C-alpha cells in the first residue's frame, strides 16, 4: 500500500493560505513554501525552518531558496516514516529582502 501525506492542522492566522489539493506519494517529500515577496537568503536556514517528529525530535533536512520563485524547499535527508506525525515549523525570523520578519510563526502538522 502506498504512503500518502496528509495535512492535519495548521496554526496561526495564515492557515487559510495553506492548501492541499492532492494526496502525494511520499518518502522524501519536499515541502515548497512560496512567498509573495523576495526573502533574505541568509534567514532561510535550519534554525528558522524545521521539521519535528511527534516526539519532538528534529528531523535532518536540506533547505534551499529559489529567488526567482520566492520559494523555500525543505527536504528530509531520510524518508519520512509511514504512519508518523510531523510538524513543519517556520519561525518569525524568516525575513524579506527589505528586513521585514514574518508576522506569525507557522506550525503545519502532517501525517505520512
PDB file of N, CA and C in Angstrom:
ATOM      1  N   UNK A   1       0.845  -1.187   0.000  1.00  0.00           N
ATOM      2  CA  UNK A   1       0.000   0.000   0.000  1.00  0.00           C
ATOM      3  C   UNK A   1       0.886   1.244   0.000  1.00  0.00           C
ATOM      4  N   UNK A   2       0.640   2.198  -0.904  1.00  0.00           N
ATOM      5  CA  UNK A   2       1.487   3.382  -0.960  1.00  0.00           C
ATOM      6  C   UNK A   2       1.268   4.285   0.244  1.00  0.00           C
ATOM      7  N   UNK A   3       2.302   5.055   0.564  1.00  0.00           N
ATOM      8  CA  UNK A   3       2.213   6.036   1.646  1.00  0.00           C
ATOM      9  C   UNK A   3       1.711   7.353   1.076  1.00  0.00           C
ATOM     10  N   UNK A   4       0.928   8.069   1.867  1.00  0.00           N
ATOM     11  CA  UNK A   4       0.440   9.371   1.453  1.00  0.00           C
ATOM     12  C   UNK A   4       0.694  10.376   2.557  1.00  0.00           C
ATOM     13  N   UNK A   5       0.779  11.626   2.161  1.00  0.00           N
ATOM     14  CA  UNK A   5       0.989  12.722   3.086  1.00  0.00           C
ATOM     15  C   UNK A   5      -0.317  13.482   3.210  1.00  0.00           C
ATOM     16  N   UNK A   6      -0.772  13.724   4.423  1.00  0.00           N
ATOM     17  CA  UNK A   6      -1.989  14.500   4.661  1.00  0.00           C
ATOM     18  C   UNK A   6      -1.705  15.610   5.654  1.00  0.00           C
ATOM     19  N   UNK A   7      -2.176  16.815   5.348  1.00  0.00           N
ATOM     20  CA  UNK A   7      -2.056  17.923   6.284  1.00  0.00           C
ATOM     21  C   UNK A   7      -3.097  17.712   7.373  1.00  0.00           C
ATOM     22  N   UNK A   8      -2.661  17.749   8.635  1.00  0.00           N
ATOM     23  CA  UNK A   8      -3.549  17.524   9.766  1.00  0.00           C
ATOM     24  C   UNK A   8      -4.054  18.843  10.328  1.00  0.00           C
ATOM     25  N   UNK A   9      -3.145  19.798  10.551  1.00  0.00           N
ATOM     26  CA  UNK A   9      -3.521  21.044  11.202  1.00  0.00           C
ATOM     27  C   UNK A   9      -2.485  22.108  10.879  1.00  0.00           C
ATOM     28  N   UNK A  10      -2.927  23.362  10.816  1.00  0.00           N
ATOM     29  CA  UNK A  10      -2.036  24.493  10.596  1.00  0.00           C
ATOM     30  C   UNK A  10      -2.378  25.542  11.635  1.00  0.00           C
ATOM     31  N   UNK A  11      -1.353  26.070  12.315  1.00  0.00           N
ATOM     32  CA  UNK A  11      -1.595  27.085  13.336  1.00  0.00           C
ATOM     33  C   UNK A  11      -1.482  28.478  12.745  1.00  0.00           C
ATOM     34  N   UNK A  12      -1.917  29.446  13.504  1.00  0.00           N
ATOM     35  CA  UNK A  12      -1.710  30.844  13.155  1.00  0.00           C
ATOM     36  C   UNK A  12      -2.767  31.407  12.228  1.00  0.00           C
ATOM     37  N   UNK A  13      -2.674  32.710  12.038  1.00  0.00           N
ATOM     38  CA  UNK A  13      -3.630  33.432  11.207  1.00  0.00           C
ATOM     39  C   UNK A  13      -3.485  33.091   9.731  1.00  0.00           C
ATOM     40  N   UNK A  14      -2.328  32.570   9.326  1.00  0.00           N
ATOM     41  CA  UNK A  14      -2.064  32.316   7.919  1.00  0.00           C
ATOM     42  C   UNK A  14      -2.529  30.948   7.452  1.00  0.00           C
ATOM     43  N   UNK A  15      -3.264  30.216   8.290  1.00  0.00           N
ATOM     44  CA  UNK A  15      -3.657  28.863   7.911  1.00  0.00           C
ATOM     45  C   UNK A  15      -4.561  28.839   6.688  1.00  0.00           C
ATOM     46  N   UNK A  16      -5.274  29.907   6.423  1.00  0.00           N
ATOM     47  CA  UNK A  16      -6.127  29.950   5.240  1.00  0.00           C
ATOM     48  C   UNK A  16      -5.302  29.938   3.947  1.00  0.00           C
ATOM     49  N   UNK A  17      -3.996  30.247   4.035  1.00  0.00           N
ATOM     50  CA  UNK A  17      -3.129  30.269   2.860  1.00  0.00           C
ATOM     51  C   UNK A  17      -2.553  28.903   2.521  1.00  0.00           C
ATOM     52  N   UNK A  18      -2.685  27.932   3.433  1.00  0.00           N
ATOM     53  CA  UNK A  18      -2.132  26.598   3.210  1.00  0.00           C
ATOM     54  C   UNK A  18      -3.180  25.757   2.511  1.00  0.00           C
ATOM     55  N   UNK A  19      -2.782  25.199   1.382  1.00  0.00           N
ATOM     56  CA  UNK A  19      -3.723  24.409   0.595  1.00  0.00           C
ATOM     57  C   UNK A  19      -3.134  23.042   0.312  1.00  0.00           C
ATOM     58  N   UNK A  20      -3.996  22.061   0.281  1.00  0.00           N
ATOM     59  CA  UNK A  20      -3.610  20.722  -0.146  1.00  0.00           C
ATOM     60  C   UNK A  20      -4.691  20.227  -1.088  1.00  0.00           C
ATOM     61  N   UNK A  21      -4.363  20.143  -2.357  1.00  0.00           N
ATOM     62  CA  UNK A  21      -5.334  19.707  -3.346  1.00  0.00           C
ATOM     63  C   UNK A  21      -5.240  18.214  -3.623  1.00  0.00           C
ATOM     64  N   UNK A  22      -4.095  17.627  -3.362  1.00  0.00           N
ATOM     65  CA  UNK A  22      -3.858  16.228  -3.687  1.00  0.00           C
ATOM     66  C   UNK A  22      -3.210  15.517  -2.522  1.00  0.00           C
ATOM     67  N   UNK A  23      -3.342  14.208  -2.516  1.00  0.00           N
ATOM     68  CA  UNK A  23      -2.544  13.386  -1.615  1.00  0.00           C
ATOM     69  C   UNK A  23      -1.298  13.010  -2.403  1.00  0.00           C
ATOM     70  N   UNK A  24      -0.142  13.213  -1.833  1.00  0.00           N
ATOM     71  CA  UNK A  24       1.110  12.970  -2.538  1.00  0.00           C
ATOM     72  C   UNK A  24       1.723  11.653  -2.097  1.00  0.00           C
ATOM     73  N   UNK A  25       2.204  10.876  -3.036  1.00  0.00           N
ATOM     74  CA  UNK A  25       3.034   9.729  -2.675  1.00  0.00           C
ATOM     75  C   UNK A  25       4.269  10.309  -2.016  1.00  0.00           C
ATOM     76  N   UNK A  26       4.707   9.667  -0.974  1.00  0.00           N
ATOM     77  CA  UNK A  26       5.797  10.271  -0.224  1.00  0.00           C
ATOM     78  C   UNK A  26       6.904   9.299   0.071  1.00  0.00           C
ATOM     79  N   UNK A  27       7.898   9.764   0.630  1.00  0.00           N
ATOM     80  CA  UNK A  27       9.122   9.117   1.044  1.00  0.00           C
ATOM     81  C   UNK A  27       9.971  10.282   1.483  1.00  0.00           C
ATOM     82  N   UNK A  28      10.641  10.890   0.506  1.00  0.00           N
ATOM     83  CA  UNK A  28      11.404  12.108   0.772  1.00  0.00           C
ATOM     84  C   UNK A  28      10.617  13.286   0.196  1.00  0.00           C
ATOM     85  N   UNK A  29       9.433  13.476   0.707  1.00  0.00           N
ATOM     86  CA  UNK A  29       8.559  14.557   0.256  1.00  0.00           C
ATOM     87  C   UNK A  29       9.240  15.899   0.481  1.00  0.00           C
ATOM     88  N   UNK A  30       9.167  16.776  -0.506  1.00  0.00           N
ATOM     89  CA  UNK A  30       9.762  18.109  -0.406  1.00  0.00           C
ATOM     90  C   UNK A  30       8.643  19.128  -0.197  1.00  0.00           C
ATOM     91  N   UNK A  31       8.734  19.867   0.901  1.00  0.00           N
ATOM     92  CA  UNK A  31       7.801  20.965   1.138  1.00  0.00           C
ATOM     93  C   UNK A  31       8.275  22.161   0.342  1.00  0.00           C
ATOM     94  N   UNK A  32       7.364  22.847  -0.328  1.00  0.00           N
ATOM     95  CA  UNK A  32       7.687  24.099  -1.011  1.00  0.00           C
ATOM     96  C   UNK A  32       6.782  25.170  -0.421  1.00  0.00           C
ATOM     97  N   UNK A  33       7.402  26.231   0.081  1.00  0.00           N
ATOM     98  CA  UNK A  33       6.667  27.364   0.645  1.00  0.00           C
ATOM     99  C   UNK A  33       6.959  28.562  -0.248  1.00  0.00           C
ATOM    100  N   UNK A  34       5.921  29.104  -0.870  1.00  0.00           N
ATOM    101  CA  UNK A  34       6.080  30.222  -1.793  1.00  0.00           C
ATOM    102  C   UNK A  34       5.631  31.505  -1.096  1.00  0.00           C
ATOM    103  N   UNK A  35       6.476  32.524  -1.180  1.00  0.00           N
ATOM    104  CA  UNK A  35       6.184  33.826  -0.581  1.00  0.00           C
ATOM    105  C   UNK A  35       5.859  34.822  -1.686  1.00  0.00           C
ATOM    106  N   UNK A  36       5.163  35.895  -1.339  1.00  0.00           N
ATOM    107  CA  UNK A  36       4.774  36.877  -2.348  1.00  0.00           C
ATOM    108  C   UNK A  36       5.815  37.972  -2.559  1.00  0.00           C
ATOM    109  N   UNK A  37       6.904  37.950  -1.776  1.00  0.00           N
ATOM    110  CA  UNK A  37       7.990  38.916  -1.938  1.00  0.00           C
ATOM    111  C   UNK A  37       9.329  38.192  -1.787  1.00  0.00           C
ATOM    112  N   UNK A  38      10.416  38.783  -2.313  1.00  0.00           N
ATOM    113  CA  UNK A  38      11.734  38.161  -2.165  1.00  0.00           C
ATOM    114  C   UNK A  38      12.157  38.091  -0.699  1.00  0.00           C
ATOM    115  N   UNK A  39      12.887  37.028  -0.360  1.00  0.00           N
ATOM    116  CA  UNK A  39      13.364  36.826   1.006  1.00  0.00           C
ATOM    117  C   UNK A  39      14.848  37.121   1.126  1.00  0.00           C
ATOM    118  N   UNK A  40      15.280  37.370   2.346  1.00  0.00           N
ATOM    119  CA  UNK A  40      16.701  37.479   2.663  1.00  0.00           C
ATOM    120  C   UNK A  40      17.232  36.050   2.754  1.00  0.00           C
ATOM    121  N   UNK A  41      18.056  35.596   1.792  1.00  0.00           N
ATOM    122  CA  UNK A  41      18.524  34.204   1.793  1.00  0.00           C
ATOM    123  C   UNK A  41      19.257  33.800   3.069  1.00  0.00           C
ATOM    124  N   UNK A  42      19.866  34.754   3.766  1.00  0.00           N
ATOM    125  CA  UNK A  42      20.599  34.438   5.000  1.00  0.00           C
ATOM    126  C   UNK A  42      19.667  33.951   6.106  1.00  0.00           C
ATOM    127  N   UNK A  43      18.373  34.257   6.000  1.00  0.00           N
ATOM    128  CA  UNK A  43      17.418  33.839   7.038  1.00  0.00           C
ATOM    129  C   UNK A  43      16.698  32.540   6.683  1.00  0.00           C
ATOM    130  N   UNK A  44      17.002  31.996   5.513  1.00  0.00           N
ATOM    131  CA  UNK A  44      16.397  30.732   5.073  1.00  0.00           C
ATOM    132  C   UNK A  44      17.361  29.615   5.452  1.00  0.00           C
ATOM    133  N   UNK A  45      17.186  29.064   6.653  1.00  0.00           N
ATOM    134  CA  UNK A  45      18.141  28.080   7.167  1.00  0.00           C
ATOM    135  C   UNK A  45      17.472  27.136   8.164  1.00  0.00           C
ATOM    136  N   UNK A  46      18.243  26.153   8.628  1.00  0.00           N
ATOM    137  CA  UNK A  46      17.725  25.135   9.556  1.00  0.00           C
ATOM    138  C   UNK A  46      17.421  25.671  10.952  1.00  0.00           C
ATOM    139  N   UNK A  47      17.816  26.892  11.252  1.00  0.00           N
ATOM    140  CA  UNK A  47      17.462  27.491  12.540  1.00  0.00           C
ATOM    141  C   UNK A  47      16.072  28.130  12.489  1.00  0.00           C
ATOM    142  N   UNK A  48      15.644  28.520  11.296  1.00  0.00           N
ATOM    143  CA  UNK A  48      14.372  29.228  11.143  1.00  0.00           C
ATOM    144  C   UNK A  48      13.261  28.393  10.517  1.00  0.00           C
ATOM    145  N   UNK A  49      13.626  27.261   9.914  1.00  0.00           N
ATOM    146  CA  UNK A  49      12.651  26.334   9.326  1.00  0.00           C
ATOM    147  C   UNK A  49      13.054  24.936   9.743  1.00  0.00           C
ATOM    148  N   UNK A  50      12.132  24.199  10.353  1.00  0.00           N
ATOM    149  CA  UNK A  50      12.490  22.866  10.828  1.00  0.00           C
ATOM    150  C   UNK A  50      11.284  21.947  10.827  1.00  0.00           C
ATOM    151  N   UNK A  51      11.581  20.651  10.819  1.00  0.00           N
ATOM    152  CA  UNK A  51      10.550  19.621  10.899  1.00  0.00           C
ATOM    153  C   UNK A  51      10.831  18.804  12.150  1.00  0.00           C
ATOM    154  N   UNK A  52       9.770  18.528  12.930  1.00  0.00           N
ATOM    155  CA  UNK A  52       9.879  17.737  14.158  1.00  0.00           C
ATOM    156  C   UNK A  52       8.980  16.508  14.069  1.00  0.00           C
ATOM    157  N   UNK A  53       9.402  15.433  14.731  1.00  0.00           N
ATOM    158  CA  UNK A  53       8.541  14.260  14.887  1.00  0.00           C
ATOM    159  C   UNK A  53       7.540  14.547  15.996  1.00  0.00           C
ATOM    160  N   UNK A  54       6.566  13.662  16.172  1.00  0.00           N
ATOM    161  CA  UNK A  54       5.578  13.843  17.240  1.00  0.00           C
ATOM    162  C   UNK A  54       6.216  13.740  18.622  1.00  0.00           C
ATOM    163  N   UNK A  55       7.407  13.128  18.707  1.00  0.00           N
ATOM    164  CA  UNK A  55       8.127  13.035  19.982  1.00  0.00           C
ATOM    165  C   UNK A  55       9.028  14.250  20.223  1.00  0.00           C
ATOM    166  N   UNK A  56       9.044  15.199  19.284  1.00  0.00           N
ATOM    167  CA  UNK A  56       9.830  16.416  19.445  1.00  0.00           C
ATOM    168  C   UNK A  56      11.244  16.335  18.911  1.00  0.00           C
ATOM    169  N   UNK A  57      11.603  15.235  18.251  1.00  0.00           N
ATOM    170  CA  UNK A  57      12.947  15.111  17.677  1.00  0.00           C
ATOM    171  C   UNK A  57      13.010  15.889  16.362  1.00  0.00           C
ATOM    172  N   UNK A  58      14.085  16.656  16.195  1.00  0.00           N
ATOM    173  CA  UNK A  58      14.270  17.430  14.975  1.00  0.00           C
ATOM    174  C   UNK A  58      14.694  16.496  13.841  1.00  0.00           C
ATOM    175  N   UNK A  59      14.055  16.638  12.686  1.00  0.00           N
ATOM    176  CA  UNK A  59      14.370  15.840  11.503  1.00  0.00           C
ATOM    177  C   UNK A  59      15.461  16.568  10.719  1.00  0.00           C
ATOM    178  N   UNK A  60      16.504  15.841  10.305  1.00  0.00           N
ATOM    179  CA  UNK A  60      17.554  16.444   9.479  1.00  0.00           C
ATOM    180  C   UNK A  60      16.973  16.790   8.112  1.00  0.00           C
ATOM    181  N   UNK A  61      17.175  18.037   7.692  1.00  0.00           N
ATOM    182  CA  UNK A  61      16.630  18.493   6.414  1.00  0.00           C
ATOM    183  C   UNK A  61      17.664  19.299   5.642  1.00  0.00           C
ATOM    184  N   UNK A  62      17.437  19.375   4.328  1.00  0.00           N
ATOM    185  CA  UNK A  62      18.185  20.277   3.453  1.00  0.00           C
ATOM    186  C   UNK A  62      17.208  21.377   3.060  1.00  0.00           C
ATOM    187  N   UNK A  63      17.656  22.608   3.196  1.00  0.00           N
ATOM    188  CA  UNK A  63      16.791  23.744   2.888  1.00  0.00           C
ATOM    189  C   UNK A  63      17.436  24.555   1.775  1.00  0.00           C
ATOM    190  N   UNK A  64      16.630  24.892   0.773  1.00  0.00           N
ATOM    191  CA  UNK A  64      17.136  25.721  -0.323  1.00  0.00           C
ATOM    192  C   UNK A  64      16.132  26.834  -0.607  1.00  0.00           C
ATOM    193  N   UNK A  65      16.630  27.892  -1.243  1.00  0.00           N
ATOM    194  CA  UNK A  65      15.786  29.031  -1.578  1.00  0.00           C
ATOM    195  C   UNK A  65      15.927  29.329  -3.062  1.00  0.00           C
ATOM    196  N   UNK A  66      14.800  29.437  -3.763  1.00  0.00           N
ATOM    197  CA  UNK A  66      14.785  29.798  -5.173  1.00  0.00           C
ATOM    198  C   UNK A  66      14.336  31.254  -5.264  1.00  0.00           C
ATOM    199  N   UNK A  67      15.281  32.190  -5.502  1.00  0.00           N
ATOM    200  CA  UNK A  67      14.918  33.610  -5.505  1.00  0.00           C
ATOM    201  C   UNK A  67      13.992  33.999  -6.657  1.00  0.00           C
ATOM    202  N   UNK A  68      14.028  33.257  -7.769  1.00  0.00           N
ATOM    203  CA  UNK A  68      13.155  33.584  -8.896  1.00  0.00           C
ATOM    204  C   UNK A  68      11.686  33.324  -8.570  1.00  0.00           C
ATOM    205  N   UNK A  69      11.429  32.278  -7.781  1.00  0.00           N
ATOM    206  CA  UNK A  69      10.055  31.919  -7.404  1.00  0.00           C
ATOM    207  C   UNK A  69       9.671  32.415  -6.016  1.00  0.00           C
ATOM    208  N   UNK A  70      10.623  32.990  -5.280  1.00  0.00           N
ATOM    209  CA  UNK A  70      10.434  33.363  -3.865  1.00  0.00           C
ATOM    210  C   UNK A  70       9.997  32.137  -3.073  1.00  0.00           C
ATOM    211  N   UNK A  71      10.616  30.991  -3.356  1.00  0.00           N
ATOM    212  CA  UNK A  71      10.172  29.721  -2.777  1.00  0.00           C
ATOM    213  C   UNK A  71      11.275  29.048  -1.967  1.00  0.00           C
ATOM    214  N   UNK A  72      10.881  28.550  -0.797  1.00  0.00           N
ATOM    215  CA  UNK A  72      11.766  27.756   0.055  1.00  0.00           C
ATOM    216  C   UNK A  72      11.388  26.295  -0.144  1.00  0.00           C
ATOM    217  N   UNK A  73      12.404  25.429  -0.270  1.00  0.00           N
ATOM    218  CA  UNK A  73      12.158  23.990  -0.343  1.00  0.00           C
ATOM    219  C   UNK A  73      12.828  23.314   0.841  1.00  0.00           C
ATOM    220  N   UNK A  74      12.084  22.431   1.504  1.00  0.00           N
ATOM    221  CA  UNK A  74      12.565  21.723   2.690  1.00  0.00           C
ATOM    222  C   UNK A  74      12.462  20.233   2.403  1.00  0.00           C
ATOM    223  N   UNK A  75      13.619  19.563   2.345  1.00  0.00           N
ATOM    224  CA  UNK A  75      13.671  18.138   2.005  1.00  0.00           C
ATOM    225  C   UNK A  75      14.336  17.363   3.134  1.00  0.00           C
ATOM    226  N   UNK A  76      13.716  16.286   3.603  1.00  0.00           N
ATOM    227  CA  UNK A  76      14.363  15.478   4.643  1.00  0.00           C
ATOM    228  C   UNK A  76      15.551  14.715   4.054  1.00  0.00           C
ATOM    229  N   UNK A  77      16.595  14.505   4.846  1.00  0.00           N
ATOM    230  CA  UNK A  77      17.735  13.724   4.361  1.00  0.00           C
ATOM    231  C   UNK A  77      17.417  12.238   4.355  1.00  0.00           C
ATOM    232  N   UNK A  78      16.458  11.813   5.176  1.00  0.00           N
ATOM    233  CA  UNK A  78      15.962  10.430   5.209  1.00  0.00           C
ATOM    234  C   UNK A  78      14.462  10.480   4.946  1.00  0.00           C
ATOM    235  N   UNK A  79      13.919   9.414   4.409  1.00  0.00           N
ATOM    236  CA  UNK A  79      12.481   9.366   4.115  1.00  0.00           C
ATOM    237  C   UNK A  79      11.667   9.481   5.405  1.00  0.00           C
ATOM    238  N   UNK A  80      10.511  10.138   5.309  1.00  0.00           N
ATOM    239  CA  UNK A  80       9.593  10.191   6.438  1.00  0.00           C
ATOM    240  C   UNK A  80       9.077   8.784   6.734  1.00  0.00           C
ATOM    241  N   UNK A  81       8.800   8.501   8.002  1.00  0.00           N
ATOM    242  CA  UNK A  81       8.303   7.181   8.415  1.00  0.00           C
ATOM    243  C   UNK A  81       6.795   7.099   8.207  1.00  0.00           C
ATOM    244  N   UNK A  82       6.348   6.021   7.628  1.00  0.00           N
ATOM    245  CA  UNK A  82       4.922   5.799   7.396  1.00  0.00           C
ATOM    246  C   UNK A  82       4.171   5.754   8.727  1.00  0.00           C
ATOM    247  N   UNK A  83       3.037   6.452   8.793  1.00  0.00           N
ATOM    248  CA  UNK A  83       2.216   6.470   9.995  1.00  0.00           C
ATOM    249  C   UNK A  83       2.666   7.458  11.051  1.00  0.00           C
ATOM    250  N   UNK A  84       3.771   8.144  10.826  1.00  0.00           N
ATOM    251  CA  UNK A  84       4.321   9.096  11.805  1.00  0.00           C
ATOM    252  C   UNK A  84       3.703  10.475  11.590  1.00  0.00           C
ATOM    253  N   UNK A  85       3.492  11.198  12.687  1.00  0.00           N
ATOM    254  CA  UNK A  85       3.054  12.593  12.650  1.00  0.00           C
ATOM    255  C   UNK A  85       4.279  13.493  12.738  1.00  0.00           C
ATOM    256  N   UNK A  86       4.253  14.574  11.976  1.00  0.00           N
ATOM    257  CA  UNK A  86       5.349  15.537  11.947  1.00  0.00           C
ATOM    258  C   UNK A  86       4.779  16.946  12.032  1.00  0.00           C
ATOM    259  N   UNK A  87       5.637  17.899  12.394  1.00  0.00           N
ATOM    260  CA  UNK A  87       5.272  19.312  12.371  1.00  0.00           C
ATOM    261  C   UNK A  87       6.348  20.080  11.627  1.00  0.00           C
ATOM    262  N   UNK A  88       5.926  20.844  10.624  1.00  0.00           N
ATOM    263  CA  UNK A  88       6.809  21.781   9.934  1.00  0.00           C
ATOM    264  C   UNK A  88       6.666  23.107  10.666  1.00  0.00           C
ATOM    265  N   UNK A  89       7.779  23.640  11.181  1.00  0.00           N
ATOM    266  CA  UNK A  89       7.754  24.876  11.971  1.00  0.00           C
ATOM    267  C   UNK A  89       8.553  25.952  11.243  1.00  0.00           C
ATOM    268  N   UNK A  90       7.933  27.114  11.052  1.00  0.00           N
ATOM    269  CA  UNK A  90       8.584  28.265  10.429  1.00  0.00           C
ATOM    270  C   UNK A  90       8.571  29.393  11.454  1.00  0.00           C
ATOM    271  N   UNK A  91       9.755  29.886  11.823  1.00  0.00           N
ATOM    272  CA  UNK A  91       9.835  30.946  12.830  1.00  0.00           C
ATOM    273  C   UNK A  91       9.606  32.322  12.208  1.00  0.00           C
ATOM    274  N   UNK A  92       9.403  33.311  13.067  1.00  0.00           N
ATOM    275  CA  UNK A  92       9.238  34.694  12.622  1.00  0.00           C
ATOM    276  C   UNK A  92      10.563  35.302  12.166  1.00  0.00           C
ATOM    277  N   UNK A  93      11.661  34.578  12.319  1.00  0.00           N
ATOM    278  CA  UNK A  93      12.977  35.098  11.938  1.00  0.00           C
ATOM    279  C   UNK A  93      13.234  35.048  10.435  1.00  0.00           C
ATOM    280  N   UNK A  94      12.359  34.362   9.675  1.00  0.00           N
ATOM    281  CA  UNK A  94      12.458  34.425   8.216  1.00  0.00           C
ATOM    282  C   UNK A  94      12.057  35.842   7.827  1.00  0.00           C
ATOM    283  N   UNK A  95      12.908  36.504   7.020  1.00  0.00           N
ATOM    284  CA  UNK A  95      12.610  37.900   6.702  1.00  0.00           C
ATOM    285  C   UNK A  95      12.716  38.181   5.208  1.00  0.00           C
ATOM    286  N   UNK A  96      12.079  39.259   4.812  1.00  0.00           N
ATOM    287  CA  UNK A  96      12.118  39.705   3.425  1.00  0.00           C
ATOM    288  C   UNK A  96      13.462  40.368   3.147  1.00  0.00           C
ATOM    289  N   UNK A  97      13.737  40.591   1.851  1.00  0.00           N
ATOM    290  CA  UNK A  97      14.969  41.299   1.485  1.00  0.00           C
ATOM    291  C   UNK A  97      15.000  42.689   2.110  1.00  0.00           C
ATOM    292  N   UNK A  98      13.830  43.265   2.340  1.00  0.00           N
ATOM    293  CA  UNK A  98      13.741  44.589   2.948  1.00  0.00           C
ATOM    294  C   UNK A  98      13.878  44.585   4.459  1.00  0.00           C
ATOM    295  N   UNK A  99      14.051  43.391   5.067  1.00  0.00           N
ATOM    296  CA  UNK A  99      14.277  43.299   6.502  1.00  0.00           C
ATOM    297  C   UNK A  99      13.030  43.097   7.348  1.00  0.00           C
ATOM    298  N   UNK A 100      11.893  42.854   6.722  1.00  0.00           N
ATOM    299  CA  UNK A 100      10.653  42.648   7.479  1.00  0.00           C
ATOM    300  C   UNK A 100      10.487  41.166   7.814  1.00  0.00           C
ATOM    301  N   UNK A 101      10.262  40.879   9.106  1.00  0.00           N
ATOM    302  CA  UNK A 101      10.081  39.496   9.558  1.00  0.00           C
ATOM    303  C   UNK A 101       8.652  39.029   9.324  1.00  0.00           C
ATOM    304  N   UNK A 102       8.481  37.694   9.306  1.00  0.00           N
ATOM    305  CA  UNK A 102       7.132  37.130   9.263  1.00  0.00           C
ATOM    306  C   UNK A 102       6.346  37.645  10.461  1.00  0.00           C
ATOM    307  N   UNK A 103       5.081  37.892  10.267  1.00  0.00           N
ATOM    308  CA  UNK A 103       4.248  38.410  11.358  1.00  0.00           C
ATOM    309  C   UNK A 103       3.990  37.341  12.417  1.00  0.00           C
ATOM    310  N   UNK A 104       3.809  36.088  11.988  1.00  0.00           N
ATOM    311  CA  UNK A 104       3.493  34.997  12.908  1.00  0.00           C
ATOM    312  C   UNK A 104       4.335  33.772  12.594  1.00  0.00           C
ATOM    313  N   UNK A 105       4.625  32.992  13.627  1.00  0.00           N
ATOM    314  CA  UNK A 105       5.232  31.689  13.396  1.00  0.00           C
ATOM    315  C   UNK A 105       4.159  30.774  12.827  1.00  0.00           C
ATOM    316  N   UNK A 106       4.587  29.772  12.059  1.00  0.00           N
ATOM    317  CA  UNK A 106       3.647  28.844  11.438  1.00  0.00           C
ATOM    318  C   UNK A 106       4.013  27.428  11.836  1.00  0.00           C
ATOM    319  N   UNK A 107       3.037  26.661  12.263  1.00  0.00           N
ATOM    320  CA  UNK A 107       3.190  25.234  12.533  1.00  0.00           C
ATOM    321  C   UNK A 107       2.197  24.494  11.652  1.00  0.00           C
ATOM    322  N   UNK A 108       2.708  23.572  10.857  1.00  0.00           N
ATOM    323  CA  UNK A 108       1.868  22.778   9.980  1.00  0.00           C
ATOM    324  C   UNK A 108       2.060  21.316  10.351  1.00  0.00           C
ATOM    325  N   UNK A 109       1.016  20.704  10.877  1.00  0.00           N
ATOM    326  CA  UNK A 109       1.085  19.291  11.271  1.00  0.00           C
ATOM    327  C   UNK A 109       0.689  18.426  10.086  1.00  0.00           C
ATOM    328  N   UNK A 110       1.452  17.351   9.862  1.00  0.00           N
ATOM    329  CA  UNK A 110       1.107  16.423   8.792  1.00  0.00           C
ATOM    330  C   UNK A 110       1.434  15.006   9.216  1.00  0.00           C
ATOM    331  N   UNK A 111       0.771  14.063   8.568  1.00  0.00           N
ATOM    332  CA  UNK A 111       0.985  12.649   8.854  1.00  0.00           C
ATOM    333  C   UNK A 111       1.289  11.951   7.541  1.00  0.00           C
ATOM    334  N   UNK A 112       2.217  11.017   7.597  1.00  0.00           N
ATOM    335  CA  UNK A 112       2.626  10.280   6.405  1.00  0.00           C
ATOM    336  C   UNK A 112       1.915   8.947   6.384  1.00  0.00           C
TER     337      UNK A 112
END
